[in-house]
């Protein structure tokens, strides 16, 4: 079996050191900042709306809110809001 020469050994140790250093946590393990309290909004719908635009989610939540509410200006101007409101109204109608 053949041993590595000095340059190859140094290169191997350097590669190992770089790999190990890459596993260290960034930021020294400090705790993340505390989340701020959101403004009073409609309660989150009980359906998974992940991936939908924010306007759609807000319209859906407004349609499912008790009492039901609708922002007339946004309903006419924003397609996402109006689609979310209509979907929410049909889904939450049976409740």
Protein backbone atom coordinates (compact mmCIF):
# COMPACT_ATOMS: atom_id res chain seq x y z
CA UNK A 1 0.00 0.00 0.00
CA UNK A 2 1.35 3.40 -0.95
CA UNK A 3 1.17 6.45 1.38
CA UNK A 4 0.26 9.95 0.28
CA UNK A 5 3.03 12.50 -0.12
CA UNK A 6 3.04 15.73 1.94
CA UNK A 7 1.15 17.88 -0.61
CA UNK A 8 -1.57 15.29 -1.16
CA UNK A 9 -1.99 14.83 2.61
CA UNK A 10 -2.32 18.58 3.12
CA UNK A 11 -4.89 18.84 0.30
CA UNK A 12 -6.91 15.97 1.78
CA UNK A 13 -6.90 17.55 5.25
CA UNK A 14 -7.93 20.90 3.76
CA UNK A 15 -10.89 19.28 1.96
CA UNK A 16 -12.02 17.54 5.14
CA UNK A 17 -11.74 20.80 7.10
CA UNK A 18 -13.85 22.66 4.51
CA UNK A 19 -16.52 19.94 4.57
CA UNK A 20 -16.71 19.93 8.37
CA UNK A 21 -16.79 23.75 8.54
CA UNK A 22 -19.74 23.77 6.13
CA UNK A 23 -21.82 21.87 8.66
CA UNK A 24 -21.53 24.57 11.35
CA UNK A 25 -24.65 26.62 12.06
CA UNK A 26 -24.59 30.21 10.84
CA UNK A 27 -25.27 32.97 13.37
CA UNK A 28 -23.74 31.33 16.42
CA UNK A 29 -26.95 29.56 17.45
CA UNK A 30 -28.81 32.75 18.42
CA UNK A 31 -32.56 32.42 18.78
CA UNK A 32 -34.64 33.78 15.87
CA UNK A 33 -36.47 37.06 16.46
CA UNK A 34 -39.92 36.78 17.99
CA UNK A 35 -42.73 37.15 15.45
CA UNK A 36 -44.78 40.31 15.64
CA UNK A 37 -48.51 40.10 16.24
CA UNK A 38 -50.47 40.45 12.98
CA UNK A 39 -53.12 43.09 12.60
CA UNK A 40 -56.70 42.02 13.28
CA UNK A 41 -57.81 40.11 10.19
CA UNK A 42 -60.42 37.57 9.30
CA UNK A 43 -59.83 34.19 10.93
CA UNK A 44 -57.83 31.79 8.82
CA UNK A 45 -60.00 29.43 6.80
CA UNK A 46 -60.00 25.79 7.78
CA UNK A 47 -59.00 24.78 4.28
CA UNK A 48 -55.48 24.42 2.89
CA UNK A 49 -54.97 27.42 0.63
CA UNK A 50 -51.21 27.02 0.26
CA UNK A 51 -50.02 28.26 -3.11
CA UNK A 52 -52.92 30.63 -3.72
CA UNK A 53 -52.28 34.38 -4.03
CA UNK A 54 -52.85 36.60 -0.98
CA UNK A 55 -55.87 38.30 -2.57
CA UNK A 56 -57.57 34.94 -3.10
CA UNK A 57 -56.96 33.92 0.52
CA UNK A 58 -58.31 37.24 1.83
CA UNK A 59 -61.45 36.97 -0.30
CA UNK A 60 -61.97 33.38 0.82
CA UNK A 61 -61.57 34.35 4.48
CA UNK A 62 -64.00 37.26 4.11
CA UNK A 63 -66.64 34.99 2.54
CA UNK A 64 -66.25 32.43 5.33
CA UNK A 65 -66.22 35.02 8.13
CA UNK A 66 -69.13 35.32 10.52
CA UNK A 67 -70.85 37.59 9.67
CA UNK A 68 -69.97 37.29 6.00
CA UNK A 69 -68.34 40.42 4.60
CA UNK A 70 -67.22 41.59 1.19
CA UNK A 71 -65.02 44.50 0.15
CA UNK A 72 -67.01 45.83 -2.82
CA UNK A 73 -64.10 47.81 -4.27
CA UNK A 74 -61.72 44.87 -4.19
CA UNK A 75 -64.41 42.50 -5.44
CA UNK A 76 -64.82 44.59 -8.60
CA UNK A 77 -61.16 45.49 -9.10
CA UNK A 78 -59.19 42.37 -8.05
CA UNK A 79 -59.78 39.12 -9.87
CA UNK A 80 -58.00 37.05 -7.18
CA UNK A 81 -60.11 38.54 -4.37
CA UNK A 82 -63.41 38.03 -6.23
CA UNK A 83 -62.54 34.43 -7.17
CA UNK A 84 -61.51 33.69 -3.58
CA UNK A 85 -64.69 35.28 -2.24
CA UNK A 86 -66.89 33.26 -4.60
CA UNK A 87 -65.09 30.00 -3.81
CA UNK A 88 -65.24 30.73 -0.09
CA UNK A 89 -68.92 31.59 -0.27
CA UNK A 90 -69.77 28.33 -1.99
CA UNK A 91 -67.56 26.23 0.30
CA UNK A 92 -68.72 27.86 3.54
CA UNK A 93 -72.41 28.08 2.59
CA UNK A 94 -73.19 24.73 4.18
CA UNK A 95 -71.85 25.76 7.58
